[in-house]
Amino acid sequence: MICTQCPRQCGALRDEQTGLGVCRMPEVPVLARAALHHWEEPPISGSRGSGAIFFSGCPLGCVFCQNEEISHQNYGKAVTVERLKEICRELAAQGAHNLNFVNPTHYAHVIAAVTEEDYGIPVVWNTGGYDSVETLARLEGKVDIYLPDLKYLDADTAKRYSGAADYPEKAQAAICEVVRQTGPVVLENGLLRRGVIIRHLILPGQLDAARRVMDWVAERFPPGTVLFSLMSQYLPWGRASQYPEINRRLRRAEIRSAHAYMENLGLEGFVQEGASASEGFIPGFDLTGVESGGNL
């Protein structure tokens, strides 16, 4: 497989066992966890949990990634596509409200194959936002709910913290594409059945940046089109210690100011409280739900 799935367009040869591209992953799916997950936005988690499947590897290089162990240290286990389909069936049988593919960008070809089967629940594409419009277009009709991040609107900041100066333009274009695909949000009995939730993680000292992100969402999408999730779960994780300006937790004043700005804009959606910034909310990447006879 010569890979051009993400905006990196690295053209790496990803064979069955070797990952040579930016994502460092082979062609076959590598998973770190597959289990009911209760820490997404309320209409995703619901009462029974979201069927979260965590992929290893990542095309981004976020220095503060809370999933550092799997995103950048390559922890995980390779499985067959048939095993991944089994995992989807198992999660649906456990009562998952949806199938939540977490960090799936570099496995778009796998998601396309897996979603040829109907599991009876919505499919969620849970992404860092660094997606190719061309790749997303090939998923149209296969994904019901998109959860893209919109991390930055400034190229220099995106380059410093994620190694991707083109992140702002690629993420904005990707968000517009997925909103085109899904149309306005559709909620049934408190659960999201179709639509887009745009997420933004507040970074220390980046309150103005958060405001610019919220301004863009409010200006670009009429009310009822998307939901917005303002996240306060930042922890100085991964390589954040090498960047003194973000090597701290958020201040309460930063969180309050961001919440007030979102409310004044009239953005519909969700806010996290400061208590969510805890190691206890980081999933245990221990191959739960992954291992079976369908491993490689």
Protein backbone atom coordinates (compact mmCIF):
# COMPACT_ATOMS: atom_id res chain seq x y z
CA MET A 1 0.00 0.00 0.00
CA ILE A 2 1.46 3.36 -1.10
CA CYS A 3 -0.16 5.69 1.42
CA THR A 4 -1.61 9.13 0.62
CA GLN A 5 -4.53 8.96 3.05
CA CYS A 6 -3.70 11.91 5.32
CA PRO A 7 -2.59 15.47 4.44
CA ARG A 8 1.07 14.46 4.87
CA GLN A 9 0.87 12.66 1.51
CA CYS A 10 4.08 10.86 2.47
CA GLY A 11 3.68 8.11 -0.10
CA ALA A 12 5.10 5.51 2.28
CA LEU A 13 4.95 1.81 1.53
CA ARG A 14 2.88 0.35 4.36
CA ASP A 15 3.05 -3.42 4.06
CA GLU A 16 1.36 -5.87 6.41
CA GLN A 17 3.99 -5.72 9.12
CA THR A 18 6.00 -2.53 8.64
CA GLY A 19 5.00 1.10 9.09
CA LEU A 20 7.38 3.43 7.27
CA GLY A 21 5.24 6.55 7.00
CA VAL A 22 4.69 9.48 9.33
CA CYS A 23 2.10 7.46 11.25
CA ARG A 24 4.61 4.58 11.72
CA MET A 25 1.85 2.01 11.24
CA PRO A 26 1.51 -0.95 8.87
CA GLU A 27 -1.40 -1.45 6.51
CA VAL A 28 -3.20 -3.78 8.91
CA PRO A 29 -5.00 -2.21 11.89
CA VAL A 30 -3.09 -1.91 15.15
CA LEU A 31 -5.31 -1.47 18.21
CA ALA A 32 -4.64 -0.60 21.85
CA ARG A 33 -8.12 -0.85 23.36
CA ALA A 34 -11.73 -1.67 22.42
CA ALA A 35 -14.31 -1.17 25.15
CA LEU A 36 -17.35 0.76 26.29
CA HIS A 37 -16.27 4.33 26.93
CA HIS A 38 -18.22 6.76 29.14
CA TRP A 39 -16.13 9.93 28.83
CA GLU A 40 -17.29 11.35 25.50
CA GLU A 41 -19.90 14.09 25.14
CA PRO A 42 -23.28 13.05 26.65
CA PRO A 43 -25.07 12.30 23.34
CA ILE A 44 -22.14 10.05 22.35
CA SER A 45 -21.60 8.19 25.64
CA GLY A 46 -25.27 8.01 26.57
CA SER A 47 -26.11 5.72 29.49
CA ARG A 48 -24.37 2.56 28.26
CA GLY A 49 -21.20 3.97 26.73
CA SER A 50 -19.65 4.46 23.34
CA GLY A 51 -17.96 1.50 21.68
CA ALA A 52 -14.49 3.09 21.51
CA ILE A 53 -11.82 1.42 19.39
CA PHE A 54 -8.41 3.08 19.84
CA PHE A 55 -5.99 2.85 16.91
CA SER A 56 -2.24 3.10 17.41
CA GLY A 57 -0.06 5.55 15.51
CA CYS A 58 -0.91 9.07 14.35
CA PRO A 59 -0.09 11.40 11.45
CA LEU A 60 0.18 14.33 13.88
CA GLY A 61 2.96 14.97 16.38
CA CYS A 62 1.15 16.78 19.19
CA VAL A 63 3.65 17.38 21.98
CA PHE A 64 0.93 17.26 24.66
CA CYS A 65 -0.90 14.13 23.46
CA GLN A 66 -2.63 12.31 26.33
CA ASN A 67 -2.57 9.14 24.24
CA GLU A 68 1.20 9.41 23.84
CA GLU A 69 1.75 5.72 24.58
CA ILE A 70 -0.23 4.60 21.55
CA SER A 71 -0.02 7.65 19.27
CA HIS A 72 3.75 8.14 19.33
CA GLN A 73 5.24 5.13 21.12
CA ASN A 74 3.48 2.62 18.86
CA TYR A 75 1.99 0.46 21.61
CA GLY A 76 -0.73 -1.83 20.31
CA LYS A 77 -1.44 -5.14 18.65
CA ALA A 78 -2.00 -5.85 14.98
CA VAL A 79 -5.28 -7.58 14.13
CA THR A 80 -6.96 -8.73 10.96
CA VAL A 81 -9.80 -6.79 9.39
CA GLU A 82 -12.05 -9.76 10.18
CA ARG A 83 -11.07 -9.53 13.86
CA LEU A 84 -11.90 -5.82 13.82
CA LYS A 85 -15.33 -6.65 12.44
CA GLU A 86 -15.75 -9.15 15.29
CA ILE A 87 -14.80 -6.45 17.79
CA CYS A 88 -17.47 -4.17 16.31
CA ARG A 89 -20.07 -6.92 16.70
CA GLU A 90 -18.94 -7.57 20.27
CA LEU A 91 -19.24 -3.91 21.24
CA ALA A 92 -22.69 -3.68 19.66
CA ALA A 93 -23.73 -6.80 21.61
CA GLN A 94 -22.48 -5.18 24.84
CA GLY A 95 -24.95 -2.34 24.27
CA ALA A 96 -22.68 0.34 22.82
CA HIS A 97 -24.64 3.32 21.53
CA ASN A 98 -22.23 3.66 18.60
CA LEU A 99 -18.95 2.41 17.15
CA ASN A 100 -16.36 5.06 17.94
CA PHE A 101 -13.21 4.80 15.82
CA VAL A 102 -10.64 6.86 17.72
CA ASN A 103 -7.71 8.35 15.76
CA PRO A 104 -8.67 6.54 12.53
CA THR A 105 -7.15 8.92 9.93
CA HIS A 106 -4.33 6.60 8.83
CA TYR A 107 -6.71 3.64 8.78
CA ALA A 108 -9.37 5.10 6.50
CA HIS A 109 -8.96 2.11 4.16
CA VAL A 110 -9.71 -0.23 7.07
CA ILE A 111 -12.76 1.76 8.21
CA ALA A 112 -14.13 1.69 4.65
CA ALA A 113 -13.85 -2.11 4.62
CA VAL A 114 -15.19 -2.66 8.14
CA THR A 115 -18.24 -0.43 7.60
CA GLU A 116 -19.42 -2.46 4.64
CA GLU A 117 -21.19 -4.43 7.38
CA ASP A 118 -24.17 -2.87 9.19
CA TYR A 119 -23.81 -3.19 12.98
CA GLY A 120 -27.15 -1.54 13.75
CA ILE A 121 -25.63 1.48 15.52
CA PRO A 122 -24.08 4.74 14.25
CA VAL A 123 -20.44 4.89 13.18
CA VAL A 124 -18.28 7.65 14.68
CA TRP A 125 -15.08 9.07 13.14
CA ASN A 126 -13.20 10.53 16.15
CA THR A 127 -10.26 12.46 14.78
CA GLY A 128 -7.59 15.06 15.48
CA GLY A 129 -8.99 17.03 12.55
CA TYR A 130 -5.95 16.55 10.30
CA ASP A 131 -7.81 14.78 7.53
CA SER A 132 -7.74 14.84 3.75
CA VAL A 133 -10.95 15.98 2.06
CA GLU A 134 -10.38 13.37 -0.66
CA THR A 135 -10.12 10.58 1.90
CA LEU A 136 -13.17 11.79 3.80
CA ALA A 137 -15.19 11.91 0.58
CA ARG A 138 -14.59 8.19 0.13
CA LEU A 139 -16.21 7.59 3.53
CA GLU A 140 -19.44 9.37 2.64
CA GLY A 141 -22.40 7.18 3.57
CA LYS A 142 -20.25 4.99 5.83
CA VAL A 143 -19.82 7.40 8.77
CA ASP A 144 -22.80 8.86 10.63
CA ILE A 145 -21.09 11.08 13.21
CA TYR A 146 -17.85 13.04 12.97
CA LEU A 147 -15.94 14.27 16.04
CA PRO A 148 -13.12 16.40 14.60
CA ASP A 149 -10.78 18.53 16.68
CA LEU A 150 -10.10 22.08 15.62
CA LYS A 151 -6.87 22.55 17.53
CA TYR A 152 -5.41 25.70 15.96
CA LEU A 153 -6.11 28.44 13.44
CA ASP A 154 -2.52 29.70 13.50
CA ALA A 155 0.08 27.97 11.32
CA ASP A 156 3.05 28.78 13.56
CA THR A 157 1.30 27.37 16.63
CA ALA A 158 0.26 24.26 14.70
CA LYS A 159 3.83 23.71 13.56
CA ARG A 160 5.29 24.21 17.05
CA TYR A 161 2.92 21.91 18.91
CA SER A 162 1.84 19.39 16.25
CA GLY A 163 4.52 19.55 13.57
CA ALA A 164 1.94 20.50 10.92
CA ALA A 165 1.94 24.11 9.74
CA ASP A 166 -0.86 23.30 7.30
CA TYR A 167 -3.13 22.01 10.08
CA PRO A 168 -5.46 25.06 10.13
CA GLU A 169 -6.34 24.97 6.44
CA LYS A 170 -6.59 21.17 6.31
CA ALA A 171 -8.76 20.95 9.44
CA GLN A 172 -11.11 23.72 8.32
CA ALA A 173 -11.56 22.13 4.91
CA ALA A 174 -12.11 18.70 6.50
CA ILE A 175 -14.75 20.07 8.87
CA CYS A 176 -16.62 21.72 6.02
CA GLU A 177 -16.55 18.41 4.12
CA VAL A 178 -17.95 16.32 6.97
CA VAL A 179 -20.69 18.87 7.69
CA ARG A 180 -21.59 18.68 4.01
CA GLN A 181 -21.83 14.90 4.33
CA THR A 182 -23.96 14.69 7.46
CA GLY A 183 -26.07 17.83 7.31
CA PRO A 184 -27.43 19.33 10.55
CA VAL A 185 -27.18 17.39 13.80
CA VAL A 186 -29.90 14.81 14.45
CA LEU A 187 -30.63 13.87 18.07
CA GLU A 188 -33.00 11.09 19.12
CA ASN A 189 -33.82 10.47 22.79
CA GLY A 190 -30.76 12.44 23.83
CA LEU A 191 -28.37 10.50 21.58
CA LEU A 192 -26.63 11.82 18.49
CA ARG A 193 -27.66 9.81 15.47
CA ARG A 194 -26.04 11.93 12.78
CA GLY A 195 -24.00 15.11 12.57
CA VAL A 196 -20.78 16.81 13.64
CA ILE A 197 -19.36 17.84 17.02
CA ILE A 198 -16.36 20.15 16.67
CA ARG A 199 -13.96 19.89 19.60
CA HIS A 200 -11.42 22.41 20.84
CA LEU A 201 -8.97 21.77 23.67
CA ILE A 202 -8.01 24.94 25.52
CA LEU A 203 -4.22 25.22 25.87
CA PRO A 204 -2.43 27.17 28.60
CA GLY A 205 -1.93 30.79 27.58
CA GLN A 206 -3.95 30.26 24.39
CA LEU A 207 -7.25 31.86 25.38
CA ASP A 208 -7.22 34.22 22.39
CA ALA A 209 -6.65 31.23 20.12
CA ALA A 210 -9.69 29.49 21.64
CA ARG A 211 -11.77 32.60 20.98
CA ARG A 212 -10.68 32.64 17.33
CA VAL A 213 -11.70 29.01 16.93
CA MET A 214 -15.10 29.72 18.44
CA ASP A 215 -15.52 32.78 16.24
CA TRP A 216 -14.82 30.72 13.13
CA VAL A 217 -17.34 28.03 14.08
CA ALA A 218 -20.03 30.60 14.93
CA GLU A 219 -19.47 32.53 11.70
CA ARG A 220 -19.19 29.48 9.44
CA PHE A 221 -22.13 27.36 10.64
CA PRO A 222 -25.69 28.55 11.33
CA PRO A 223 -27.31 27.48 14.63
CA GLY A 224 -28.38 23.86 14.62
CA THR A 225 -25.80 22.83 12.02
CA VAL A 226 -23.06 21.58 14.36
CA LEU A 227 -22.41 21.18 18.06
CA PHE A 228 -19.31 22.59 19.72
CA SER A 229 -17.35 20.97 22.55
CA LEU A 230 -15.03 23.19 24.57
CA MET A 231 -12.58 20.93 26.37
CA SER A 232 -10.69 21.75 29.58
CA GLN A 233 -8.98 18.39 30.11
CA TYR A 234 -5.48 19.60 29.23
CA LEU A 235 -2.64 18.05 31.20
CA PRO A 236 1.09 18.76 30.65
CA TRP A 237 1.59 15.32 29.11
CA GLY A 238 3.90 13.72 26.60
CA ARG A 239 6.66 16.14 25.59
CA ALA A 240 4.97 19.23 27.03
CA SER A 241 7.78 19.59 29.57
CA GLN A 242 10.00 20.72 26.69
CA TYR A 243 7.69 23.68 26.03
CA PRO A 244 7.66 25.85 29.19
CA GLU A 245 4.70 27.99 28.09
CA ILE A 246 2.33 24.99 28.09
CA ASN A 247 4.01 22.97 30.85
CA ARG A 248 1.26 23.69 33.36
CA ARG A 249 -2.41 23.01 33.97
CA LEU A 250 -5.10 25.42 32.89
CA ARG A 251 -5.97 28.19 35.32
CA ARG A 252 -9.55 28.44 36.49
CA ALA A 253 -9.75 31.95 35.10
CA GLU A 254 -8.81 30.65 31.63
CA ILE A 255 -11.54 28.03 31.77
CA ARG A 256 -14.15 30.52 33.04
CA SER A 257 -13.27 33.06 30.36
CA ALA A 258 -13.48 30.51 27.58
CA HIS A 259 -16.82 29.22 28.85
CA ALA A 260 -18.22 32.75 29.04
CA TYR A 261 -17.08 33.52 25.51
CA MET A 262 -18.76 30.40 24.15
CA GLU A 263 -21.97 31.28 25.97
CA ASN A 264 -21.92 34.87 24.70
CA LEU A 265 -21.47 33.63 21.13
CA GLY A 266 -24.49 31.38 21.53
CA LEU A 267 -22.62 28.26 20.43
CA GLU A 268 -24.65 25.13 21.10
CA GLY A 269 -22.80 22.27 22.68
CA PHE A 270 -20.82 21.25 25.72
CA VAL A 271 -18.20 22.50 28.15
CA GLN A 272 -15.87 20.46 30.35
CA GLU A 273 -15.21 21.42 33.92
CA GLY A 274 -11.67 21.64 35.25
CA ALA A 275 -12.11 18.36 37.13
CA SER A 276 -11.82 16.52 33.81
CA ALA A 277 -8.09 17.36 33.77
CA SER A 278 -7.14 14.17 35.57
CA GLU A 279 -5.07 11.13 34.72
CA GLY A 280 -8.08 9.08 35.76
CA PHE A 281 -9.84 10.08 32.54
CA ILE A 282 -7.07 8.69 30.32
CA PRO A 283 -8.08 5.17 29.20
CA GLY A 284 -5.97 2.21 30.15
CA PHE A 285 -4.21 1.08 26.99
CA ASP A 286 -3.88 -2.58 27.90
CA LEU A 287 -5.36 -4.38 24.87
CA THR A 288 -8.76 -4.71 26.57
CA GLY A 289 -11.18 -6.11 24.01
CA VAL A 290 -8.46 -6.54 21.38
CA GLU A 291 -6.86 -9.93 21.87
CA SER A 292 -8.42 -12.95 20.24
CA GLY A 293 -7.67 -15.57 17.62
CA GLY A 294 -7.77 -12.85 14.97
CA ASN A 295 -4.50 -11.24 15.96
CA LEU A 296 -1.40 -11.19 13.78
